[in-house]
Amino acid sequence: MEAVPENPPTNMLGKGLDESEVIKAIEQAGYPLQTIIVNKLSKKFDLIEEEWTFIDDDLQKRRSIDIIASKRLYNEEEGIQKRIRPILSMLIECKKSETPYVFFVSKNHKIGNEFPFYAGLSKYELRVKSNDSYAPWHIDISDGLSLYEHPFMKKPLATCSVFTKCNRGKNHLECSGDESFNNLILPLLKSLYYFRKINKPPKTAEYFDFIATLAVGVVDAPMIGITSSEAGNKSILLPWVRVIRHQSDENEGWLQREKYLSIDIVHKDYFDTYVDKHVLPFSKEFSKKALVQHEVIAEGKGYAESISTNYHDLFNRLRLKK
């Protein structure tokens, strides 16, 4: 093993160990994957932290995810003049495996009502009045900004609610849904809630960070989609699958009692395409619309004509009615 000139002779591997064993252990643990993803993000994001720590509220213990990356989506003038400052953040967990992840692809595409997962605000739904309704409408922010029609939101390569990881058994591959959930999905879900918690503004706040947060699992492993029918199962290789998870929470917000959160699982060799062709174009659209509707988002309320007869394209009709 190579050493720098300053290395003392006692800093060396012990008997019975060699460099190849160390490299193999590192590669199996997936640490090089984390470094590779950090290097890719460093050219595109303003702030990157590795081994980001969060508190698991269920277990009351510290845990960590591999990477958090953030990108400012406003200029200095907008940061002064507008009441919200749009930011993109990605919470990333990396996994390496020789055996595949298997996704049971949904035929009916569903968009999570908490996607992206917003943080930094006092209110995460808009209370919108209209001329054709006595009661106000409770609208999620992505609806208010008409973001659901954006291709990143509407057309991932595939979606699923159930997926599993294959492991080697004695004589054949065995599937474990618990492993895929506990080691990949659960840390990302819990880190999302903690991220929102630590970015909660004070009650007196008039200006807000408006953070669009994406939970992403990056895997160095085969990704296989399964479509099922009466004729049998059909498999297809997929480099990006959006996993939709249902969450029930007690919350003052009417819309937030029933949540559908989204986690994107992306193959490591598709990650650049995922970020450059999908995430960053979406973030530009998000920022542009958020800065236009900064007053409505900051107040958590607004007004729009004829919601009962035309629920679509709210962004162009939404305004703050004082």
Protein backbone atom coordinates (compact mmCIF):
# COMPACT_ATOMS: atom_id res chain seq x y z
CA MET A 1 0.00 0.00 0.00
CA GLU A 2 1.32 3.44 -0.90
CA ALA A 3 2.12 5.92 1.89
CA VAL A 4 2.97 9.61 2.09
CA PRO A 5 6.57 10.45 3.06
CA GLU A 6 5.39 11.69 6.48
CA ASN A 7 3.72 8.37 7.37
CA PRO A 8 5.18 6.73 10.51
CA PRO A 9 6.19 3.05 10.19
CA THR A 10 3.62 2.00 12.79
CA ASN A 11 0.70 3.22 10.62
CA MET A 12 0.27 0.06 8.58
CA LEU A 13 -2.03 -2.92 8.13
CA GLY A 14 -1.61 -5.73 10.62
CA LYS A 15 -0.70 -9.29 9.82
CA GLY A 16 -3.34 -11.21 7.91
CA LEU A 17 -4.76 -8.10 6.21
CA ASP A 18 -3.93 -6.72 2.81
CA GLU A 19 -5.02 -3.76 0.70
CA SER A 20 -7.34 -5.79 -1.55
CA GLU A 21 -9.43 -6.91 1.44
CA VAL A 22 -9.84 -3.34 2.63
CA ILE A 23 -10.86 -2.12 -0.83
CA LYS A 24 -13.34 -4.97 -1.21
CA ALA A 25 -14.96 -4.20 2.17
CA ILE A 26 -15.26 -0.52 1.27
CA GLU A 27 -16.84 -1.28 -2.09
CA GLN A 28 -19.35 -3.70 -0.58
CA ALA A 29 -20.36 -1.09 2.01
CA GLY A 30 -21.17 1.40 -0.75
CA TYR A 31 -18.96 4.26 0.46
CA PRO A 32 -17.43 4.96 -2.98
CA LEU A 33 -20.98 5.44 -4.33
CA GLN A 34 -21.61 8.21 -1.81
CA THR A 35 -18.38 9.95 -2.84
CA ILE A 36 -19.22 9.63 -6.53
CA ILE A 37 -22.66 11.21 -6.02
CA VAL A 38 -21.17 14.04 -3.93
CA ASN A 39 -18.69 14.79 -6.72
CA LYS A 40 -21.52 14.92 -9.26
CA LEU A 41 -23.57 17.29 -7.09
CA SER A 42 -20.68 19.60 -6.20
CA LYS A 43 -20.76 21.20 -9.65
CA LYS A 44 -24.49 21.94 -9.50
CA PHE A 45 -25.43 22.68 -5.87
CA ASP A 46 -24.37 25.44 -3.48
CA LEU A 47 -24.16 23.44 -0.25
CA ILE A 48 -23.48 19.74 0.28
CA GLU A 49 -23.21 17.90 3.58
CA GLU A 50 -22.32 14.24 4.04
CA GLU A 51 -23.60 12.05 6.87
CA TRP A 52 -26.34 14.56 7.72
CA THR A 53 -27.71 13.78 11.17
CA PHE A 54 -31.38 13.81 12.12
CA ILE A 55 -33.39 12.74 15.15
CA ASP A 56 -35.62 9.69 14.78
CA ASP A 57 -38.69 10.82 16.74
CA ASP A 58 -40.01 7.27 17.08
CA LEU A 59 -36.81 5.85 18.56
CA GLN A 60 -35.52 9.11 20.07
CA LYS A 61 -32.04 8.47 18.71
CA ARG A 62 -29.68 10.06 16.23
CA ARG A 63 -29.52 8.67 12.72
CA SER A 64 -27.98 9.93 9.52
CA ILE A 65 -28.52 9.91 5.80
CA ASP A 66 -25.67 9.97 3.34
CA ILE A 67 -26.06 13.35 1.65
CA ILE A 68 -28.04 16.58 1.77
CA ALA A 69 -27.55 19.00 -1.12
CA SER A 70 -29.13 22.46 -1.43
CA LYS A 71 -29.31 25.00 -4.24
CA ARG A 72 -30.48 28.60 -4.02
CA LEU A 73 -33.09 29.40 -6.69
CA TYR A 74 -33.22 33.20 -6.35
CA ASN A 75 -30.88 36.12 -6.91
CA GLU A 76 -29.92 38.77 -4.35
CA GLU A 77 -32.51 41.27 -5.55
CA GLU A 78 -35.30 38.68 -5.37
CA GLY A 79 -34.10 37.66 -1.91
CA ILE A 80 -34.66 41.23 -0.71
CA GLN A 81 -37.87 42.12 -2.57
CA LYS A 82 -39.84 38.88 -2.25
CA ARG A 83 -41.34 37.38 0.89
CA ILE A 84 -40.18 33.88 0.05
CA ARG A 85 -36.75 32.58 -0.99
CA PRO A 86 -37.10 29.42 -3.13
CA ILE A 87 -34.53 26.69 -2.46
CA LEU A 88 -34.07 23.16 -3.79
CA SER A 89 -32.86 20.49 -1.36
CA MET A 90 -32.19 16.81 -2.00
CA LEU A 91 -31.97 14.26 0.82
CA ILE A 92 -30.06 11.28 -0.55
CA GLU A 93 -29.41 7.75 0.69
CA CYS A 94 -26.99 5.54 -1.29
CA LYS A 95 -27.09 1.75 -1.47
CA LYS A 96 -24.96 -0.83 -3.29
CA SER A 97 -26.00 -4.40 -3.98
CA GLU A 98 -25.17 -7.20 -6.40
CA THR A 99 -28.76 -8.43 -6.22
CA PRO A 100 -31.66 -6.43 -7.69
CA TYR A 101 -34.33 -4.14 -6.35
CA VAL A 102 -37.72 -5.18 -7.74
CA PHE A 103 -40.55 -2.68 -8.21
CA PHE A 104 -44.18 -3.71 -8.75
CA VAL A 105 -45.14 -1.02 -11.25
CA SER A 106 -48.49 0.73 -10.80
CA LYS A 107 -50.70 0.98 -13.87
CA ASN A 108 -52.53 4.00 -12.46
CA HIS A 109 -50.04 6.81 -11.99
CA LYS A 110 -50.56 8.76 -8.78
CA ILE A 111 -48.81 11.99 -7.75
CA GLY A 112 -48.16 12.38 -4.05
CA ASN A 113 -49.92 15.37 -2.51
CA GLU A 114 -46.74 16.06 -0.52
CA PHE A 115 -44.44 16.19 -3.52
CA PRO A 116 -42.17 17.97 -3.45
CA PHE A 117 -42.05 17.92 0.35
CA TYR A 118 -42.04 21.60 1.28
CA ALA A 119 -40.20 23.06 4.27
CA GLY A 120 -39.53 26.52 5.68
CA LEU A 121 -43.11 27.83 5.75
CA SER A 122 -45.68 28.43 8.48
CA LYS A 123 -48.50 26.90 6.41
CA TYR A 124 -48.34 24.07 3.90
CA GLU A 125 -51.76 24.49 2.35
CA LEU A 126 -53.48 27.48 0.80
CA ARG A 127 -56.87 28.67 2.03
CA VAL A 128 -58.41 30.08 -1.14
CA LYS A 129 -61.71 31.95 -1.40
CA SER A 130 -63.70 32.18 -4.61
CA ASN A 131 -66.68 34.07 -5.99
CA ASP A 132 -68.60 30.82 -6.64
CA SER A 133 -68.19 29.17 -3.24
CA TYR A 134 -69.30 30.14 0.26
CA ALA A 135 -66.63 28.06 1.97
CA PRO A 136 -62.92 28.52 1.27
CA TRP A 137 -61.02 25.85 -0.65
CA HIS A 138 -58.07 24.07 0.96
CA ILE A 139 -55.48 23.67 -1.78
CA ASP A 140 -52.01 22.17 -1.61
CA ILE A 141 -49.20 24.46 -2.70
CA SER A 142 -48.20 22.46 -5.78
CA ASP A 143 -51.80 22.75 -7.00
CA GLY A 144 -51.81 26.48 -6.33
CA LEU A 145 -48.65 26.87 -8.42
CA SER A 146 -50.00 24.52 -11.14
CA LEU A 147 -46.90 22.34 -10.86
CA TYR A 148 -48.61 18.97 -11.25
CA GLU A 149 -48.59 19.33 -15.04
CA HIS A 150 -44.81 19.62 -15.17
CA PRO A 151 -43.23 16.49 -16.74
CA PHE A 152 -41.09 15.82 -13.65
CA MET A 153 -44.23 15.63 -11.53
CA LYS A 154 -46.49 13.98 -14.07
CA LYS A 155 -44.26 11.57 -15.98
CA PRO A 156 -41.58 9.70 -14.05
CA LEU A 157 -40.43 6.58 -15.86
CA ALA A 158 -42.58 4.46 -13.52
CA THR A 159 -44.36 4.59 -10.16
CA CYS A 160 -45.05 1.95 -7.55
CA SER A 161 -46.27 1.53 -3.99
CA VAL A 162 -44.58 -1.80 -3.32
CA PHE A 163 -41.01 -2.85 -3.97
CA THR A 164 -38.61 -5.39 -2.57
CA LYS A 165 -34.94 -6.35 -2.59
CA CYS A 166 -33.68 -9.74 -3.65
CA ASN A 167 -31.09 -11.52 -1.51
CA ARG A 168 -29.23 -14.74 -2.07
CA GLY A 169 -30.75 -17.71 -0.25
CA LYS A 170 -29.28 -21.19 0.01
CA ASN A 171 -30.42 -22.28 -3.42
CA HIS A 172 -32.21 -19.30 -4.96
CA LEU A 173 -32.97 -15.59 -4.65
CA GLU A 174 -35.32 -14.52 -1.86
CA CYS A 175 -37.26 -11.25 -1.60
CA SER A 176 -37.35 -8.99 1.46
CA GLY A 177 -39.76 -6.07 1.53
CA ASP A 178 -38.74 -5.20 5.10
CA GLU A 179 -35.11 -4.67 4.13
CA SER A 180 -35.90 -2.33 1.25
CA PHE A 181 -38.26 -0.31 3.45
CA ASN A 182 -36.20 -0.17 6.65
CA ASN A 183 -32.82 0.50 5.03
CA LEU A 184 -33.82 2.85 2.24
CA ILE A 185 -37.35 4.28 2.44
CA LEU A 186 -37.74 4.73 6.20
CA PRO A 187 -34.58 6.83 6.77
CA LEU A 188 -35.58 9.12 3.93
CA LEU A 189 -39.15 9.54 5.19
CA LYS A 190 -38.00 10.34 8.72
CA SER A 191 -35.32 12.73 7.50
CA LEU A 192 -37.96 14.66 5.52
CA TYR A 193 -40.04 15.32 8.63
CA TYR A 194 -37.00 16.28 10.68
CA PHE A 195 -35.83 18.62 7.90
CA ARG A 196 -39.19 20.38 7.97
CA LYS A 197 -39.06 20.55 11.76
CA ILE A 198 -35.65 22.24 11.95
CA ASN A 199 -36.63 24.71 9.21
CA LYS A 200 -39.82 25.80 10.95
CA PRO A 201 -39.91 29.62 11.03
CA PRO A 202 -40.76 31.64 14.13
CA LYS A 203 -44.41 32.58 14.57
CA THR A 204 -43.61 36.24 13.92
CA ALA A 205 -41.87 35.56 10.59
CA GLU A 206 -42.89 37.64 7.58
CA TYR A 207 -40.21 36.30 5.21
CA PHE A 208 -39.61 32.61 4.56
CA ASP A 209 -37.29 30.09 3.00
CA PHE A 210 -39.49 28.07 0.65
CA ILE A 211 -37.67 24.76 0.29
CA ALA A 212 -38.74 22.16 -2.26
CA THR A 213 -37.31 18.96 -0.80
CA LEU A 214 -36.78 15.72 -2.72
CA ALA A 215 -36.06 12.36 -1.08
CA VAL A 216 -33.88 10.26 -3.37
CA GLY A 217 -32.43 6.78 -3.07
CA VAL A 218 -29.44 6.23 -5.35
CA VAL A 219 -28.64 2.57 -5.92
CA ASP A 220 -25.73 0.77 -7.51
CA ALA A 221 -27.79 -2.32 -8.18
CA PRO A 222 -30.04 -3.73 -10.89
CA MET A 223 -33.49 -2.09 -10.90
CA ILE A 224 -36.26 -4.28 -12.28
CA GLY A 225 -39.87 -3.28 -12.83
CA ILE A 226 -42.60 -5.95 -12.72
CA THR A 227 -45.99 -5.52 -14.38
CA SER A 228 -48.55 -8.16 -13.46
CA SER A 229 -51.60 -9.41 -15.32
CA GLU A 230 -53.68 -12.56 -15.58
CA ALA A 231 -51.25 -13.73 -18.25
CA GLY A 232 -48.34 -13.53 -15.80
CA ASN A 233 -45.51 -11.22 -14.81
CA LYS A 234 -43.41 -9.18 -17.20
CA SER A 235 -40.08 -7.67 -16.19
CA ILE A 236 -38.33 -4.58 -17.51
CA LEU A 237 -35.15 -2.74 -16.48
CA LEU A 238 -35.91 0.75 -15.14
CA PRO A 239 -33.33 3.36 -14.02
CA TRP A 240 -35.85 5.60 -12.20
CA VAL A 241 -38.94 4.63 -10.21
CA ARG A 242 -41.06 6.89 -8.01
CA VAL A 243 -42.24 5.10 -4.87
CA ILE A 244 -45.50 6.48 -3.42
CA ARG A 245 -46.04 5.95 0.31
CA HIS A 246 -49.24 6.65 2.23
CA GLN A 247 -48.83 8.41 5.59
CA SER A 248 -51.55 9.23 8.14
CA ASP A 249 -50.81 12.13 10.48
CA GLU A 250 -52.74 14.16 13.00
CA ASN A 251 -52.43 17.69 11.74
CA GLU A 252 -54.33 20.95 11.88
CA GLY A 253 -54.19 21.24 8.11
CA TRP A 254 -57.14 19.53 6.48
CA LEU A 255 -55.13 18.35 3.48
CA GLN A 256 -52.26 17.03 5.57
CA ARG A 257 -54.19 14.39 7.51
CA GLU A 258 -53.88 12.02 4.56
CA LYS A 259 -50.49 12.26 2.89
CA TYR A 260 -48.92 10.55 -0.08
CA LEU A 261 -45.17 11.05 -0.03
CA SER A 262 -42.90 10.30 -2.97
CA ILE A 263 -39.37 8.90 -2.95
CA ASP A 264 -37.43 8.66 -6.19
CA ILE A 265 -35.20 5.60 -6.55
CA VAL A 266 -32.54 6.24 -9.19
CA HIS A 267 -29.77 4.08 -10.64
CA LYS A 268 -26.33 5.61 -10.10
CA ASP A 269 -25.57 5.72 -13.84
CA TYR A 270 -28.84 7.55 -14.51
CA PHE A 271 -28.30 10.10 -11.73
CA ASP A 272 -26.80 12.82 -13.96
CA THR A 273 -29.71 12.51 -16.38
CA TYR A 274 -32.19 12.56 -13.50
CA VAL A 275 -30.73 15.78 -12.09
CA ASP A 276 -29.92 17.60 -15.35
CA LYS A 277 -32.97 16.66 -17.43
CA HIS A 278 -35.64 16.39 -14.75
CA VAL A 279 -34.85 17.90 -11.32
CA LEU A 280 -33.14 21.15 -12.36
CA PRO A 281 -35.68 22.09 -15.09
CA PHE A 282 -38.45 21.48 -12.55
CA SER A 283 -36.66 23.61 -9.95
CA LYS A 284 -36.55 26.53 -12.40
CA GLU A 285 -40.31 26.30 -12.98
CA PHE A 286 -40.93 25.99 -9.24
CA SER A 287 -38.80 29.04 -8.49
CA LYS A 288 -40.33 31.18 -11.24
CA LYS A 289 -43.90 30.49 -10.12
CA ALA A 290 -43.11 30.72 -6.41
CA LEU A 291 -41.58 34.18 -6.80
CA VAL A 292 -44.65 35.39 -8.70
CA GLN A 293 -46.99 34.12 -5.97
CA HIS A 294 -44.70 34.97 -3.04
CA GLU A 295 -47.39 36.93 -1.15
CA VAL A 296 -49.98 34.14 -1.37
CA ILE A 297 -47.46 31.50 -0.26
CA ALA A 298 -46.19 33.62 2.62
CA GLU A 299 -49.73 34.32 3.86
CA GLY A 300 -51.07 30.82 3.15
CA LYS A 301 -54.24 32.27 1.66
CA GLY A 302 -55.56 33.83 -1.51
CA TYR A 303 -58.44 34.37 -3.91
CA ALA A 304 -59.27 32.92 -7.33
CA GLU A 305 -62.27 33.33 -9.61
CA SER A 306 -64.57 30.39 -10.46
CA ILE A 307 -62.79 27.54 -8.67
CA SER A 308 -65.93 25.40 -8.55
CA THR A 309 -66.31 25.43 -12.32
CA ASN A 310 -62.61 25.51 -13.23
CA TYR A 311 -60.16 24.03 -10.75
CA HIS A 312 -57.31 23.91 -13.26
CA ASP A 313 -54.66 26.54 -13.94
CA LEU A 314 -55.00 28.18 -10.55
CA PHE A 315 -51.57 29.78 -10.79
CA ASN A 316 -52.69 32.35 -13.37
CA ARG A 317 -55.82 33.27 -11.38
CA LEU A 318 -54.50 33.15 -7.84
CA ARG A 319 -53.94 36.44 -6.04
CA LEU A 320 -53.81 37.85 -2.55
CA LYS A 321 -57.11 39.53 -1.70
CA LYS A 322 -56.62 41.99 1.14
